[in-house]
Amino acid sequence: MASISNLIILLISFLIGWIILSIPVWLASKAVSRRSSFGNAMIVSLVSIVVYVVLSTFLHFIGAIIGIIIILLIIREIYNVGWGGAIVIGVLSLVIFVIIALILGALHLASLLI
């Protein structure tokens, strides 16, 4: 029973973290794109995490650079913006994420971001 409850806790933690990670992407995309939706933000955040982790794990620094370029390409395609718009969404998402992390850290809830 303990392993099933651990799996449920892990799944709930993943979903909460995924939702929190999608909020900055959604807010940033609202500033730049007309195709902004929370569903699109969730897709962008999940695919971006998978691509970045896989590439940076196997290709290290070069993989990280390639991963960032692919993430910008994903943002560009999903939100129908140019490269400049994708960069703005990416940077703005990062800034919003840091602000959320600081707020959650101040509230001792930063573990939700893992």
C-alpha atoms as a PDB file:
ATOM      1  CA  MET A   1       0.000   0.000   0.000  1.00  0.00           C
ATOM      2  CA  ALA A   2       2.808   2.417   0.772  1.00  0.00           C
ATOM      3  CA  SER A   3       4.142   2.213  -2.784  1.00  0.00           C
ATOM      4  CA  ILE A   4       0.745   3.039  -4.301  1.00  0.00           C
ATOM      5  CA  SER A   5       0.322   6.029  -1.996  1.00  0.00           C
ATOM      6  CA  ASN A   6       3.843   7.192  -2.869  1.00  0.00           C
ATOM      7  CA  LEU A   7       2.981   6.912  -6.550  1.00  0.00           C
ATOM      8  CA  ILE A   8      -0.212   8.926  -6.036  1.00  0.00           C
ATOM      9  CA  ILE A   9       1.707  11.604  -4.121  1.00  0.00           C
ATOM     10  CA  LEU A  10       4.332  11.709  -6.890  1.00  0.00           C
ATOM     11  CA  LEU A  11       1.636  12.063  -9.552  1.00  0.00           C
ATOM     12  CA  ILE A  12      -0.158  14.832  -7.657  1.00  0.00           C
ATOM     13  CA  SER A  13       3.157  16.642  -7.074  1.00  0.00           C
ATOM     14  CA  PHE A  14       3.985  16.361 -10.772  1.00  0.00           C
ATOM     15  CA  LEU A  15       0.597  17.760 -11.789  1.00  0.00           C
ATOM     16  CA  ILE A  16       0.838  20.679  -9.343  1.00  0.00           C
ATOM     17  CA  GLY A  17       4.371  21.477 -10.511  1.00  0.00           C
ATOM     18  CA  TRP A  18       3.318  21.217 -14.163  1.00  0.00           C
ATOM     19  CA  ILE A  19       0.401  23.595 -13.599  1.00  0.00           C
ATOM     20  CA  ILE A  20       2.593  26.079 -11.707  1.00  0.00           C
ATOM     21  CA  LEU A  21       5.245  25.873 -14.438  1.00  0.00           C
ATOM     22  CA  SER A  22       2.603  26.492 -17.116  1.00  0.00           C
ATOM     23  CA  ILE A  23       1.322  29.695 -15.494  1.00  0.00           C
ATOM     24  CA  PRO A  24       4.361  31.831 -16.490  1.00  0.00           C
ATOM     25  CA  VAL A  25       4.223  30.529 -20.066  1.00  0.00           C
ATOM     26  CA  TRP A  26       0.507  31.308 -20.242  1.00  0.00           C
ATOM     27  CA  LEU A  27       0.901  34.824 -18.814  1.00  0.00           C
ATOM     28  CA  ALA A  28       3.864  35.603 -21.071  1.00  0.00           C
ATOM     29  CA  SER A  29       2.054  34.300 -24.143  1.00  0.00           C
ATOM     30  CA  LYS A  30      -0.975  36.494 -23.364  1.00  0.00           C
ATOM     31  CA  ALA A  31       1.286  39.520 -23.779  1.00  0.00           C
ATOM     32  CA  VAL A  32       2.508  38.447 -27.209  1.00  0.00           C
ATOM     33  CA  SER A  33       0.116  36.058 -28.955  1.00  0.00           C
ATOM     34  CA  ARG A  34      -3.566  35.934 -29.795  1.00  0.00           C
ATOM     35  CA  ARG A  35      -3.416  32.118 -29.611  1.00  0.00           C
ATOM     36  CA  SER A  36      -2.716  32.178 -25.906  1.00  0.00           C
ATOM     37  CA  SER A  37      -4.486  29.517 -23.864  1.00  0.00           C
ATOM     38  CA  PHE A  38      -3.645  27.610 -20.721  1.00  0.00           C
ATOM     39  CA  GLY A  39      -3.821  24.338 -22.668  1.00  0.00           C
ATOM     40  CA  ASN A  40      -1.196  25.598 -25.115  1.00  0.00           C
ATOM     41  CA  ALA A  41       0.954  26.702 -22.195  1.00  0.00           C
ATOM     42  CA  MET A  42       0.722  23.244 -20.654  1.00  0.00           C
ATOM     43  CA  ILE A  43       1.744  21.637 -23.946  1.00  0.00           C
ATOM     44  CA  VAL A  44       4.669  24.047 -24.364  1.00  0.00           C
ATOM     45  CA  SER A  45       5.896  23.535 -20.799  1.00  0.00           C
ATOM     46  CA  LEU A  46       5.667  19.718 -20.893  1.00  0.00           C
ATOM     47  CA  VAL A  47       7.283  19.288 -24.313  1.00  0.00           C
ATOM     48  CA  SER A  48       9.947  21.866 -23.442  1.00  0.00           C
ATOM     49  CA  ILE A  49      10.895  20.057 -20.248  1.00  0.00           C
ATOM     50  CA  VAL A  50      11.153  16.691 -21.990  1.00  0.00           C
ATOM     51  CA  VAL A  51      13.186  18.062 -24.928  1.00  0.00           C
ATOM     52  CA  TYR A  52      15.540  20.077 -22.724  1.00  0.00           C
ATOM     53  CA  VAL A  53      16.167  17.302 -20.189  1.00  0.00           C
ATOM     54  CA  VAL A  54      16.812  14.659 -22.851  1.00  0.00           C
ATOM     55  CA  LEU A  55      19.123  16.828 -24.958  1.00  0.00           C
ATOM     56  CA  SER A  56      21.074  18.354 -22.073  1.00  0.00           C
ATOM     57  CA  THR A  57      21.476  14.940 -20.426  1.00  0.00           C
ATOM     58  CA  PHE A  58      22.977  13.249 -23.461  1.00  0.00           C
ATOM     59  CA  LEU A  59      24.670  16.146 -25.223  1.00  0.00           C
ATOM     60  CA  HIS A  60      25.492  18.313 -22.185  1.00  0.00           C
ATOM     61  CA  PHE A  61      26.292  21.951 -23.069  1.00  0.00           C
ATOM     62  CA  ILE A  62      25.637  21.578 -26.812  1.00  0.00           C
ATOM     63  CA  GLY A  63      22.400  19.746 -25.978  1.00  0.00           C
ATOM     64  CA  ALA A  64      21.342  22.594 -23.698  1.00  0.00           C
ATOM     65  CA  ILE A  65      21.913  25.127 -26.494  1.00  0.00           C
ATOM     66  CA  ILE A  66      20.060  22.943 -29.016  1.00  0.00           C
ATOM     67  CA  GLY A  67      17.292  22.433 -26.438  1.00  0.00           C
ATOM     68  CA  ILE A  68      16.808  26.174 -26.002  1.00  0.00           C
ATOM     69  CA  ILE A  69      16.578  26.633 -29.767  1.00  0.00           C
ATOM     70  CA  ILE A  70      14.030  23.809 -30.027  1.00  0.00           C
ATOM     71  CA  ILE A  71      12.013  25.296 -27.147  1.00  0.00           C
ATOM     72  CA  LEU A  72      11.904  28.620 -29.003  1.00  0.00           C
ATOM     73  CA  LEU A  73      10.813  26.746 -32.128  1.00  0.00           C
ATOM     74  CA  ILE A  74       8.018  25.026 -30.152  1.00  0.00           C
ATOM     75  CA  ILE A  75       6.859  28.383 -28.752  1.00  0.00           C
ATOM     76  CA  ARG A  76       7.066  29.899 -32.231  1.00  0.00           C
ATOM     77  CA  GLU A  77       4.914  27.191 -33.787  1.00  0.00           C
ATOM     78  CA  ILE A  78       2.301  26.801 -31.041  1.00  0.00           C
ATOM     79  CA  TYR A  79       1.751  30.531 -30.541  1.00  0.00           C
ATOM     80  CA  ASN A  80       2.199  31.500 -34.201  1.00  0.00           C
ATOM     81  CA  VAL A  81       4.776  34.193 -33.473  1.00  0.00           C
ATOM     82  CA  GLY A  82       8.137  35.028 -34.988  1.00  0.00           C
ATOM     83  CA  TRP A  83      11.514  34.359 -33.424  1.00  0.00           C
ATOM     84  CA  GLY A  84      11.377  37.692 -31.592  1.00  0.00           C
ATOM     85  CA  GLY A  85       7.981  36.853 -30.122  1.00  0.00           C
ATOM     86  CA  ALA A  86       9.223  33.418 -29.063  1.00  0.00           C
ATOM     87  CA  ILE A  87      12.231  34.976 -27.330  1.00  0.00           C
ATOM     88  CA  VAL A  88       9.991  37.503 -25.561  1.00  0.00           C
ATOM     89  CA  ILE A  89       7.672  34.704 -24.379  1.00  0.00           C
ATOM     90  CA  GLY A  90      10.659  32.655 -23.216  1.00  0.00           C
ATOM     91  CA  VAL A  91      12.373  35.459 -21.318  1.00  0.00           C
ATOM     92  CA  LEU A  92       9.129  36.808 -19.854  1.00  0.00           C
ATOM     93  CA  SER A  93       8.179  33.268 -18.759  1.00  0.00           C
ATOM     94  CA  LEU A  94      11.503  32.959 -16.982  1.00  0.00           C
ATOM     95  CA  VAL A  95      11.045  36.290 -15.186  1.00  0.00           C
ATOM     96  CA  ILE A  96       7.493  35.385 -14.117  1.00  0.00           C
ATOM     97  CA  PHE A  97       8.687  31.942 -12.973  1.00  0.00           C
ATOM     98  CA  VAL A  98      11.395  33.508 -10.792  1.00  0.00           C
ATOM     99  CA  ILE A  99       8.815  35.831  -9.223  1.00  0.00           C
ATOM    100  CA  ILE A 100       6.484  32.880  -8.515  1.00  0.00           C
ATOM    101  CA  ALA A 101       9.397  30.880  -7.094  1.00  0.00           C
ATOM    102  CA  LEU A 102      10.350  33.753  -4.790  1.00  0.00           C
ATOM    103  CA  ILE A 103       6.760  34.110  -3.586  1.00  0.00           C
ATOM    104  CA  LEU A 104       6.395  30.361  -3.001  1.00  0.00           C
ATOM    105  CA  GLY A 105       9.780  30.326  -1.279  1.00  0.00           C
ATOM    106  CA  ALA A 106       8.693  33.117   1.029  1.00  0.00           C
ATOM    107  CA  LEU A 107       5.583  31.089   1.838  1.00  0.00           C
ATOM    108  CA  HIS A 108       7.714  27.944   2.311  1.00  0.00           C
ATOM    109  CA  LEU A 109       5.943  26.263  -0.609  1.00  0.00           C
ATOM    110  CA  ALA A 110       8.873  26.176  -3.052  1.00  0.00           C
ATOM    111  CA  SER A 111       8.841  22.359  -3.009  1.00  0.00           C
ATOM    112  CA  LEU A 112       5.765  22.569  -5.257  1.00  0.00           C
ATOM    113  CA  LEU A 113       8.090  23.603  -8.089  1.00  0.00           C
ATOM    114  CA  ILE A 114      10.069  20.352  -8.076  1.00  0.00           C
END
